[in-house]
Protein backbone atom coordinates (compact mmCIF):
# COMPACT_ATOMS: atom_id res chain seq x y z
CA MET A 1 159.10 -8.37 158.21
CA PHE A 2 160.46 -6.79 161.28
CA GLN A 3 162.58 -9.35 163.41
CA ALA A 4 163.99 -8.54 166.62
CA ARG A 5 167.43 -10.06 167.80
CA HIS A 6 166.79 -12.09 170.91
CA TRP A 7 169.05 -12.96 171.56
CA LEU A 8 203.74 -5.30 150.02
CA ARG A 9 204.75 -5.61 153.43
CA LEU A 10 205.57 -6.16 156.91
CA PHE A 11 208.66 -4.62 158.60
CA SER A 12 210.14 -6.36 161.60
CA TYR A 13 212.28 -4.00 163.38
CA SER A 14 211.15 -1.81 166.09
CA LEU A 15 211.03 2.11 166.86
CA VAL A 16 210.67 3.53 170.38
CA VAL A 17 209.03 6.74 170.06
CA PRO A 18 209.55 10.18 171.81
CA ILE A 19 206.61 10.64 173.80
CA LEU A 20 205.21 13.12 176.72
CA SER A 21 203.02 11.32 179.42
CA THR A 22 200.81 13.26 181.39
CA THR A 23 199.59 11.87 184.62
CA LEU A 24 195.78 12.55 185.35
CA ASN A 25 193.18 11.82 188.15
CA ALA A 26 189.88 13.07 187.06
CA THR A 27 186.97 10.63 187.92
CA SER A 28 183.82 10.83 185.61
CA ALA A 29 180.42 11.13 187.09
CA TYR A 30 180.22 7.29 185.99
CA GLY A 31 183.20 6.24 188.20
CA ILE A 32 185.70 5.82 185.36
CA SER A 33 189.06 7.43 186.20
CA LEU A 34 191.44 8.98 183.90
CA SER A 35 194.71 7.44 184.66
CA ASN A 36 196.99 9.16 182.17
CA SER A 37 197.88 10.13 178.86
CA LEU A 38 200.39 9.69 176.24
CA SER A 39 201.26 12.70 173.51
CA ILE A 40 202.94 11.40 170.29
CA ASP A 41 204.90 13.83 168.58
CA GLY A 42 203.42 14.85 165.12
CA GLU A 43 206.93 14.55 163.57
CA THR A 44 207.35 11.08 164.41
CA THR A 45 208.10 8.61 161.56
CA ASP A 46 206.95 5.04 160.94
CA LEU A 47 208.86 1.92 159.54
CA TYR A 48 207.84 2.27 156.01
CA PRO A 49 211.44 1.77 154.23
CA PHE A 50 212.08 5.37 153.28
CA ASN A 51 215.16 7.34 153.91
CA GLY A 52 214.04 10.83 155.12
CA SER A 53 210.77 12.19 156.40
CA SER A 54 207.69 12.99 154.39
CA ALA A 55 203.94 13.11 155.61
CA ASN A 56 202.97 11.29 152.50
CA VAL A 57 205.34 8.66 152.86
CA ASN A 58 206.25 7.85 156.44
CA ARG A 59 205.06 10.41 158.92
CA LEU A 60 203.22 8.43 161.87
CA GLY A 61 199.87 10.12 161.52
CA GLY A 62 196.09 9.28 161.96
CA PHE A 63 196.88 5.80 163.29
CA PHE A 64 194.20 5.74 165.86
CA SER A 65 191.46 5.77 163.28
CA ASP A 66 190.86 2.83 165.19
CA LEU A 67 192.60 0.84 168.01
CA TYR A 68 192.60 -2.82 168.66
CA TYR A 69 194.28 -4.80 171.70
CA ASP A 70 195.37 -8.34 170.66
CA ARG A 71 195.31 -10.01 174.01
CA GLN A 72 196.63 -13.28 172.88
CA ASN A 73 200.06 -11.51 171.86
CA ASN A 74 200.01 -8.56 174.38
CA VAL A 75 200.38 -6.05 171.41
CA TYR A 76 198.26 -3.17 169.86
CA TYR A 77 197.25 -2.20 166.40
CA GLY A 78 196.53 1.66 165.37
CA LEU A 79 194.80 1.95 161.93
CA ALA A 80 195.82 4.78 159.67
CA ASP A 81 193.41 5.99 157.15
CA ARG A 82 193.69 7.33 153.48
CA GLY A 83 196.41 9.53 154.37
CA PRO A 84 197.24 13.15 154.51
CA GLY A 85 195.95 13.95 151.03
CA GLY A 86 192.22 13.44 151.86
CA GLY A 87 191.77 11.11 149.01
CA VAL A 88 193.56 12.96 146.20
CA ILE A 89 197.26 12.48 146.86
CA SER A 90 198.66 8.91 146.87
CA TYR A 91 199.41 7.30 150.13
CA GLU A 92 199.88 3.37 150.62
CA THR A 93 197.45 2.42 153.37
CA ARG A 94 198.78 0.84 156.51
CA VAL A 95 198.24 -0.45 159.94
CA GLN A 96 200.92 0.21 162.77
CA LYS A 97 201.72 -2.59 165.43
CA PHE A 98 203.04 -1.42 168.73
CA SER A 99 203.70 -2.42 172.33
CA LEU A 100 202.57 -0.56 175.43
CA ASP A 101 203.40 -1.01 179.04
CA VAL A 102 200.25 -0.68 181.45
CA ASP A 103 200.65 -0.30 185.13
CA GLN A 104 199.19 -3.14 186.72
CA ASN A 105 197.89 -0.99 189.67
CA THR A 106 196.87 2.39 188.06
CA GLY A 107 196.31 1.46 184.66
CA ALA A 108 198.63 4.14 183.51
CA ILE A 109 200.24 3.62 180.04
CA SER A 110 204.07 4.07 179.16
CA ASN A 111 206.66 2.97 176.77
CA PHE A 112 204.89 3.38 173.49
CA ASN A 113 207.06 1.08 171.19
CA LEU A 114 206.48 0.82 167.17
CA LEU A 115 207.09 -2.73 166.17
CA ASP A 116 205.68 -2.99 162.54
CA THR A 117 204.40 -1.10 159.63
CA ILE A 118 202.14 -3.35 157.90
CA GLN A 119 200.98 -2.32 154.40
CA PHE A 120 197.88 -3.58 152.81
CA THR A 121 198.36 -5.31 149.65
CA LYS A 122 196.57 -7.49 146.70
CA GLY A 123 198.99 -9.57 144.77
CA ALA A 124 202.02 -7.15 143.99
CA GLU A 125 199.97 -4.02 144.26
CA ASN A 126 199.44 -1.87 147.27
CA TYR A 127 195.92 -0.50 148.46
CA ASN A 128 195.95 3.16 148.04
CA GLY A 129 194.08 6.31 149.87
CA LEU A 130 193.36 8.04 146.26
CA ASN A 131 189.55 7.88 145.50
CA PRO A 132 188.40 5.45 142.84
CA LYS A 133 188.37 8.36 140.06
CA LEU A 134 191.88 9.29 140.62
CA LEU A 135 193.35 5.86 141.19
CA ASN A 136 191.02 3.66 138.76
CA GLY A 137 189.91 6.48 136.13
CA ASP A 138 186.04 5.78 137.06
CA ALA A 139 184.05 6.86 140.23
CA GLY A 140 182.17 3.60 139.85
CA THR A 141 185.10 1.26 140.33
CA LEU A 142 186.72 0.77 143.48
CA GLY A 143 189.63 -1.14 142.74
CA LEU A 144 192.40 -0.88 145.42
CA SER A 145 191.00 2.78 146.73
CA PHE A 146 191.03 2.22 150.42
CA ASP A 147 190.08 4.23 153.31
CA PRO A 148 190.60 2.02 156.32
CA GLU A 149 188.29 3.14 159.46
CA GLY A 150 187.75 0.03 161.26
CA PHE A 151 189.83 -2.94 162.42
CA ALA A 152 190.01 -6.01 164.51
CA VAL A 153 191.81 -9.48 164.91
CA ALA A 154 190.63 -13.03 164.04
CA SER A 155 191.46 -15.87 166.21
CA ASN A 156 193.75 -17.00 163.77
CA GLY A 157 195.49 -13.75 163.71
CA ASN A 158 194.14 -12.61 160.23
CA PHE A 159 192.92 -8.86 160.03
CA TYR A 160 189.40 -7.63 159.29
CA VAL A 161 189.36 -4.11 158.00
CA ALA A 162 186.36 -2.02 157.52
CA ASP A 163 186.82 0.66 154.58
CA GLU A 164 184.68 3.84 154.19
CA TYR A 165 184.76 4.23 150.21
CA GLY A 166 182.69 1.24 149.80
CA PRO A 167 181.55 0.93 152.44
CA SER A 168 183.54 -2.52 152.49
CA VAL A 169 184.72 -5.11 154.87
CA TYR A 170 187.88 -7.15 154.16
CA GLU A 171 190.02 -9.85 155.57
CA PHE A 172 193.80 -9.75 155.31
CA GLY A 173 196.45 -12.10 156.31
CA ALA A 174 198.67 -10.89 159.33
CA ASN A 175 201.31 -9.65 156.64
CA GLY A 176 198.60 -7.36 154.86
CA ALA A 177 197.90 -9.64 152.06
CA PHE A 178 194.12 -9.48 150.70
CA ILE A 179 192.22 -12.69 151.46
CA ARG A 180 188.70 -12.14 150.50
CA ALA A 181 185.81 -9.56 150.72
CA PHE A 182 182.78 -9.32 152.83
CA ALA A 183 179.43 -8.90 150.69
CA THR A 184 178.34 -5.01 151.18
CA PRO A 185 174.51 -4.77 151.51
CA LYS A 186 173.17 -3.26 148.74
CA ASN A 187 171.33 -0.47 150.28
CA LEU A 188 174.75 1.06 151.80
CA VAL A 189 176.24 1.33 148.27
CA PRO A 190 176.35 4.84 147.12
CA GLN A 191 174.25 5.28 143.96
CA ALA A 192 173.81 8.11 141.44
CA GLY A 193 170.65 7.21 140.09
CA SER A 194 171.15 3.54 138.35
CA SER A 195 174.90 3.96 138.82
CA VAL A 196 177.36 3.16 141.43
CA ASN A 197 179.57 6.29 142.34
CA TYR A 198 182.35 5.92 145.26
CA VAL A 199 183.39 9.78 144.75
CA ASP A 200 180.63 12.39 144.64
CA GLY A 201 178.49 13.39 147.35
CA ARG A 202 174.68 14.93 147.49
CA PRO A 203 173.01 15.63 145.05
CA ILE A 204 174.87 13.69 142.72
CA ILE A 205 174.54 10.42 145.07
CA THR A 206 170.59 9.64 145.46
CA SER A 207 171.01 6.52 147.83
CA GLY A 208 173.53 4.90 150.05
CA ARG A 209 176.06 5.98 152.14
CA GLN A 210 176.93 9.58 152.18
CA ASP A 211 180.34 10.97 150.83
CA ASN A 212 182.96 10.24 153.58
CA ARG A 213 180.30 8.51 155.79
CA GLY A 214 181.09 4.87 155.31
CA PHE A 215 182.11 2.32 157.86
CA GLU A 216 183.66 4.13 160.64
CA GLY A 217 184.18 1.10 163.17
CA LEU A 218 184.61 -2.67 163.10
CA THR A 219 184.55 -5.24 165.90
CA VAL A 220 184.14 -9.04 166.15
CA ASN A 221 182.17 -10.91 168.77
CA PRO A 222 183.59 -13.01 171.27
CA ASP A 223 183.60 -16.30 169.84
CA GLY A 224 184.61 -14.96 166.34
CA THR A 225 181.76 -15.72 164.40
CA LYS A 226 180.12 -12.59 163.80
CA LEU A 227 181.49 -9.10 162.85
CA PHE A 228 180.16 -5.51 163.37
CA ALA A 229 180.39 -2.50 161.37
CA ILE A 230 179.09 0.70 162.13
CA MET A 231 178.27 3.66 159.65
CA GLN A 232 179.40 6.85 160.58
CA ASP A 233 176.27 8.55 159.86
CA PRO A 234 172.75 8.00 158.21
CA LEU A 235 172.53 6.83 154.43
CA VAL A 236 172.17 9.79 152.04
CA ASN A 237 168.45 9.16 151.25
CA GLU A 238 167.47 7.82 154.71
CA GLY A 239 165.97 11.26 156.55
CA SER A 240 163.79 14.24 155.51
CA PRO A 241 164.78 15.74 153.16
CA ASP A 242 168.20 13.79 153.52
CA GLY A 243 170.59 12.02 155.59
CA ARG A 244 172.13 15.12 157.20
CA ARG A 245 168.72 15.84 159.23
CA SER A 246 168.26 12.34 160.37
CA PRO A 247 169.81 10.81 163.72
CA ASN A 248 169.44 7.20 162.34
CA LEU A 249 172.26 5.17 161.34
CA ARG A 250 172.99 1.53 160.33
CA LEU A 251 174.93 -1.15 162.23
CA VAL A 252 175.47 -4.26 160.23
CA GLU A 253 175.91 -7.62 161.36
CA PHE A 254 178.11 -9.90 158.97
CA ASP A 255 178.86 -13.81 159.38
CA THR A 256 182.67 -14.44 159.52
CA THR A 257 182.02 -17.76 157.78
CA THR A 258 179.98 -16.82 155.00
CA ALA A 259 181.09 -13.28 154.67
CA GLU A 260 177.60 -12.41 154.17
CA SER A 261 175.56 -9.61 156.03
CA VAL A 262 172.90 -11.36 158.28
CA ALA A 263 171.24 -8.26 159.92
CA GLN A 264 171.09 -4.69 160.09
CA TYR A 265 170.18 -2.33 163.24
CA ILE A 266 169.54 1.24 163.93
CA TYR A 267 171.59 3.29 166.10
CA THR A 268 170.08 6.63 167.10
CA LEU A 269 172.47 9.61 167.57
CA ASP A 270 172.17 12.20 170.23
CA SER A 271 169.54 14.80 169.16
CA LEU A 272 170.88 17.99 167.57
CA ALA A 273 168.96 20.18 170.19
CA ASP A 274 170.37 18.05 173.23
CA ILE A 275 173.95 18.50 171.88
CA ASN A 276 173.11 22.35 171.30
CA GLU A 277 172.14 22.48 174.92
CA GLN A 278 175.65 21.66 175.87
CA ILE A 279 177.29 24.68 174.32
CA PRO A 280 177.02 27.99 176.01
CA GLY A 281 174.98 30.43 174.12
CA THR A 282 173.65 30.01 170.89
CA GLU A 283 176.15 31.65 168.58
CA ASN A 284 178.05 28.47 168.05
CA ASP A 285 175.18 25.98 168.04
CA PHE A 286 174.96 23.45 165.16
CA GLY A 287 172.77 24.04 162.44
CA SER A 288 169.72 21.74 161.27
CA ASN A 289 171.73 19.81 158.56
CA SER A 290 174.35 18.94 161.05
CA GLN A 291 172.40 16.14 162.73
CA GLY A 292 173.35 13.24 160.45
CA ARG A 293 176.60 15.04 159.41
CA ASN A 294 178.65 16.49 161.95
CA ILE A 295 177.51 14.28 164.86
CA GLY A 296 178.52 10.63 164.20
CA VAL A 297 180.00 7.44 165.41
CA SER A 298 183.69 6.69 165.33
CA ALA A 299 184.23 3.40 166.86
CA ILE A 300 182.90 0.65 168.25
CA THR A 301 183.99 -2.48 170.29
CA ALA A 302 182.18 -5.80 171.75
CA LEU A 303 181.70 -6.52 175.32
CA ASN A 304 179.73 -9.57 174.78
CA GLU A 305 177.42 -11.15 172.32
CA ASN A 306 175.01 -8.34 172.51
CA GLU A 307 176.48 -5.46 174.20
CA PHE A 308 179.06 -3.17 172.70
CA LEU A 309 180.49 0.35 173.41
CA VAL A 310 180.04 3.00 171.03
CA LEU A 311 182.04 6.09 170.59
CA GLU A 312 179.97 9.18 169.39
CA ARG A 313 181.26 12.66 168.56
CA ASP A 314 181.00 15.83 167.03
CA ASN A 315 183.68 17.31 164.75
CA ARG A 316 184.89 19.98 167.08
CA GLY A 317 187.92 20.24 169.22
CA LEU A 318 191.77 20.46 168.71
CA GLY A 319 192.47 19.45 165.17
CA VAL A 320 193.45 20.37 161.45
CA GLU A 321 190.53 22.72 161.67
CA ASP A 322 190.90 24.36 165.15
CA ALA A 323 194.58 24.14 166.13
CA THR A 324 194.24 25.83 169.24
CA GLY A 325 190.88 23.89 170.22
CA SER A 326 188.73 27.27 170.55
CA LEU A 327 185.26 26.26 169.17
CA PRO A 328 183.04 24.89 172.03
CA ILE A 329 182.68 21.31 172.27
CA GLY A 330 179.02 19.88 171.82
CA SER A 331 179.42 16.09 172.45
CA LYS A 332 182.47 13.24 172.93
CA ARG A 333 180.60 10.31 174.74
CA VAL A 334 180.99 6.54 174.71
CA TYR A 335 177.62 4.83 174.82
CA LYS A 336 177.23 1.22 175.97
CA ILE A 337 174.52 -0.21 173.53
CA ASP A 338 172.52 -3.35 173.71
CA LEU A 339 171.06 -5.40 170.37
CA THR A 340 168.84 -7.59 172.15
CA GLU A 341 165.50 -6.02 171.25
CA ALA A 342 166.63 -4.38 168.33
CA THR A 343 164.66 -4.90 165.27
CA ASN A 344 166.56 -6.31 162.13
CA VAL A 345 166.05 -3.72 159.54
CA SER A 346 167.87 -5.22 156.60
CA ASP A 347 164.46 -4.85 154.32
CA VAL A 348 163.28 -1.58 156.03
CA SER A 349 163.93 1.72 154.25
CA LEU A 350 164.16 5.06 156.20
CA ALA A 351 163.84 7.26 153.22
CA ASN A 352 161.95 10.57 153.54
CA THR A 353 161.64 10.26 157.59
CA ASN A 354 163.67 11.33 160.44
CA THR A 355 161.77 9.15 162.99
CA LEU A 356 161.48 5.21 162.95
CA PRO A 357 158.83 3.58 161.59
CA SER A 358 155.87 1.78 163.86
CA GLY A 359 157.43 -1.76 164.70
CA VAL A 360 161.01 -0.60 164.50
CA THR A 361 163.00 -0.72 168.03
CA ALA A 362 166.72 0.82 167.73
CA VAL A 363 169.53 -0.66 169.84
CA SER A 364 169.03 0.56 173.49
CA LYS A 365 171.84 2.96 174.82
CA SER A 366 173.26 4.17 178.12
CA LEU A 367 175.82 6.83 178.90
CA PHE A 368 179.12 4.82 179.67
CA LEU A 369 181.71 7.85 179.52
CA ASP A 370 181.48 11.51 178.82
CA ILE A 371 185.13 11.84 177.39
CA ALA A 372 184.78 15.82 176.79
CA ALA A 373 183.89 16.58 180.30
CA THR A 374 186.65 14.23 181.80
CA LEU A 375 189.09 15.55 179.98
CA GLN A 376 188.11 19.00 180.57
CA ASP A 377 187.82 18.46 184.39
CA ALA A 378 191.45 17.06 184.20
CA GLY A 379 192.47 20.60 182.48
CA GLN A 380 193.09 19.09 179.36
CA VAL A 381 192.58 20.15 175.77
CA VAL A 382 189.88 17.96 173.73
CA PRO A 383 190.91 16.78 170.38
CA GLU A 384 188.51 16.90 167.85
CA LYS A 385 189.03 13.16 166.48
CA LEU A 386 188.51 10.73 169.31
CA GLU A 387 188.47 7.56 166.95
CA GLY A 388 189.75 4.27 168.43
CA ILE A 389 188.67 2.18 171.81
CA ALA A 390 190.02 -0.76 173.24
CA VAL A 391 189.71 -2.72 176.52
CA SER A 392 193.30 -3.46 177.62
CA PRO A 393 194.40 -6.20 180.19
CA GLN A 394 193.23 -6.92 183.48
CA LEU A 395 194.70 -4.89 186.30
CA ALA A 396 195.85 -6.11 189.76
CA ASP A 397 192.44 -5.29 191.54
CA GLY A 398 190.47 -6.59 188.57
CA SER A 399 189.56 -3.47 186.89
CA TYR A 400 190.48 -2.80 183.29
CA ALA A 401 192.41 0.07 181.42
CA VAL A 402 189.93 1.43 178.52
CA LEU A 403 192.32 3.16 175.85
CA ILE A 404 191.14 5.91 173.65
CA GLY A 405 193.06 7.15 170.91
CA THR A 406 192.87 10.36 168.54
CA ASP A 407 193.37 10.61 164.95
CA ASN A 408 195.30 13.98 164.17
CA ASP A 409 194.82 14.06 160.49
CA PHE A 410 198.84 13.63 159.77
CA SER A 411 198.54 17.61 161.35
CA VAL A 412 197.89 18.13 157.30
CA THR A 413 195.29 20.50 155.98
CA GLN A 414 195.06 21.33 152.08
CA THR A 415 193.54 24.19 149.74
CA GLY A 416 190.75 23.75 147.46
CA SER A 417 193.72 23.62 144.79
CA GLY A 418 195.33 20.67 146.49
CA THR A 419 198.36 22.21 147.80
CA GLN A 420 199.10 20.39 151.28
CA LEU A 421 200.18 22.58 154.13
CA ASP A 422 200.98 21.61 157.64
CA VAL A 423 199.21 22.81 160.74
CA CYS A 424 201.13 23.87 163.77
CA THR A 425 199.81 24.03 167.34
CA ASN A 426 199.82 27.99 167.37
CA GLY A 427 197.35 27.91 164.29
CA ILE A 428 199.99 28.68 161.86
CA GLN A 429 199.99 26.77 158.49
CA VAL A 430 203.35 26.24 156.74
CA ASP A 431 204.44 24.48 153.61
CA ILE A 432 204.33 20.87 154.20
CA ASP A 433 207.42 18.93 155.65
CA THR A 434 209.38 22.47 156.35
CA GLY A 435 208.83 22.48 160.05
CA CYS A 436 206.70 24.38 162.40
CA PRO A 437 208.18 27.88 163.75
CA THR A 438 209.91 27.88 167.14
CA GLY A 439 207.39 27.53 169.81
CA SER A 440 205.10 25.58 168.16
CA THR A 441 204.91 21.65 166.86
CA LEU A 442 202.70 19.64 164.49
CA ILE A 443 199.42 18.57 166.22
CA PRO A 444 200.34 15.24 168.23
CA THR A 445 198.33 12.18 168.42
CA TYR A 446 197.00 11.28 171.79
CA LEU A 447 196.56 8.13 173.83
CA TYR A 448 194.08 8.19 176.88
CA SER A 449 194.00 5.44 179.41
CA LEU A 450 190.86 5.06 181.80
CA LYS A 451 190.15 2.70 184.55
CA ALA A 452 186.88 0.86 184.52
CA SER A 453 185.52 -1.01 187.17
CA SER A 454 182.91 -4.07 187.20
CA ALA A 455 180.19 -1.90 187.58
CA GLU A 456 180.76 -0.34 184.07
CA LEU A 457 182.03 -3.54 182.48
CA GLU A 458 179.75 -6.14 183.87
CA GLY A 459 179.17 -8.67 181.33
CA PHE A 460 182.30 -8.13 179.65
CA VAL A 461 183.81 -11.45 177.67
CA PRO A 462 187.15 -11.04 176.30
CA GLN A 463 187.47 -12.26 172.92
CA ALA A 464 188.09 -16.07 172.27
CA GLU A 465 188.29 -16.53 176.09
CA VAL A 466 186.20 -18.17 178.66
CA PRO A 467 185.99 -15.28 181.30
CA GLU A 468 187.69 -16.00 184.89
CA PRO A 469 184.63 -15.96 187.63
CA SER A 470 186.64 -13.48 189.50
CA ALA A 471 187.14 -11.23 186.33
CA THR A 472 184.69 -8.37 187.31
CA THR A 473 186.05 -5.14 186.27
CA GLY A 474 188.02 -3.41 183.48
CA VAL A 475 190.34 -0.73 181.91
CA ILE A 476 189.53 0.59 178.49
CA LEU A 477 191.88 2.37 176.01
CA LEU A 478 190.38 4.92 173.57
CA GLY A 479 191.85 6.30 170.31
CA LEU A 480 191.35 9.81 168.57
CA GLY A 481 191.55 10.23 164.91
CA GLY A 482 189.37 7.99 162.90
CA TRP A 483 186.19 6.72 164.50
CA TRP A 484 186.52 3.05 166.34
CA LEU A 485 186.85 0.67 169.17
CA LYS A 486 187.77 -2.90 170.81
CA ARG A 487 187.80 -5.42 173.43
CA ARG A 488 189.31 -6.84 176.47
CA GLN A 489 191.16 -9.64 177.92
CA SER A 490 190.43 -11.19 181.21
């Protein structure tokens, strides 16, 4: 039946990171102004206890796979994913805790200060970015294989983390220690016929999430009773002939008390035709199998019980595959979505179709911000992986800063044989950890601050807080890299 929704370790010292700040004054067509950006050097190390600098051990990279603002303690979290090895080289997964100054008049950000590097553990063992076959010897055993992509903090300080391998949602203590796992809906689990397979892609995988296309964003509702995890792309079997050609992906609602899923909704990506229209000429258009593969969701953050911001993007821009940012970009956008009239499709299959069945209503969506256009208007390069978004503290005039962060993939690529190479900003690739040639650097991580008014954030309710009647506008923080977003304080 269709139902509508009516409604091992914590390191406690700090590191001041060298950063470059750029002041910007671009304003989007939607009245959201870009205050400034921070560029965090790709050579920066985190607080993992290691005497030296190594991409696979302590490079501060990939850490805006999600971005979260903890307004109760006025600190931020940046989530690193499975590491520089793409799932085939060991990396102990972690989240970075940091502080940031936000100018109360302009929303400009400064003084990025790394406070803690917190590893995810279970008992005496660390969660690891290695894929399940390499870590556990079995593609069907998830074990401690972990590809973190979404992050939120509970009112009691515990962490909620969404993983792409499963896809899974876990709860950890504030020290990174495992507490419990949420129940993943069976239709999302990757299957090779009748067997679970967390490693391979199509055509071996016949149902469930596509390979490397699991949960990409996670957010908690204002009163902390619900979690919402969003898939990056459609399920492999939900499309014609497969999910790569469908625009319809799933948003899953969980009950934080029972750890069970209670609903699924459909989020519809922008059409490939509309995205290709934004690319000059036709030579660089996306192909038909890119709809549900190269276009996807990176992050989500709750505004209130029914409305959310969702970060949607293509896979082009400055990054390890295009270190000079030369390919034309199709889409990097933030949408405001509403679940009020969306159909619960927990028991509905979208197999063999790219359109919604009669009686199914997707979440409504309206354009909140065209990030690519805003950055281009400011004369800035557009990174590939804008992956984190968060709403920051309230500013003096009642507005809020919205932060958006990037995932630089640790500025590492690798060959088919597994040889890792550092990617430099001039497009040259060098042996890992050997340094870029003079005049070039590793690809940095970017953090942008935008100032949003009450018109853009109408109805915003900070997590676990009662909004002040006068709190009518807000600033949003966006992160690049992974795919994610967050919430705000009044």
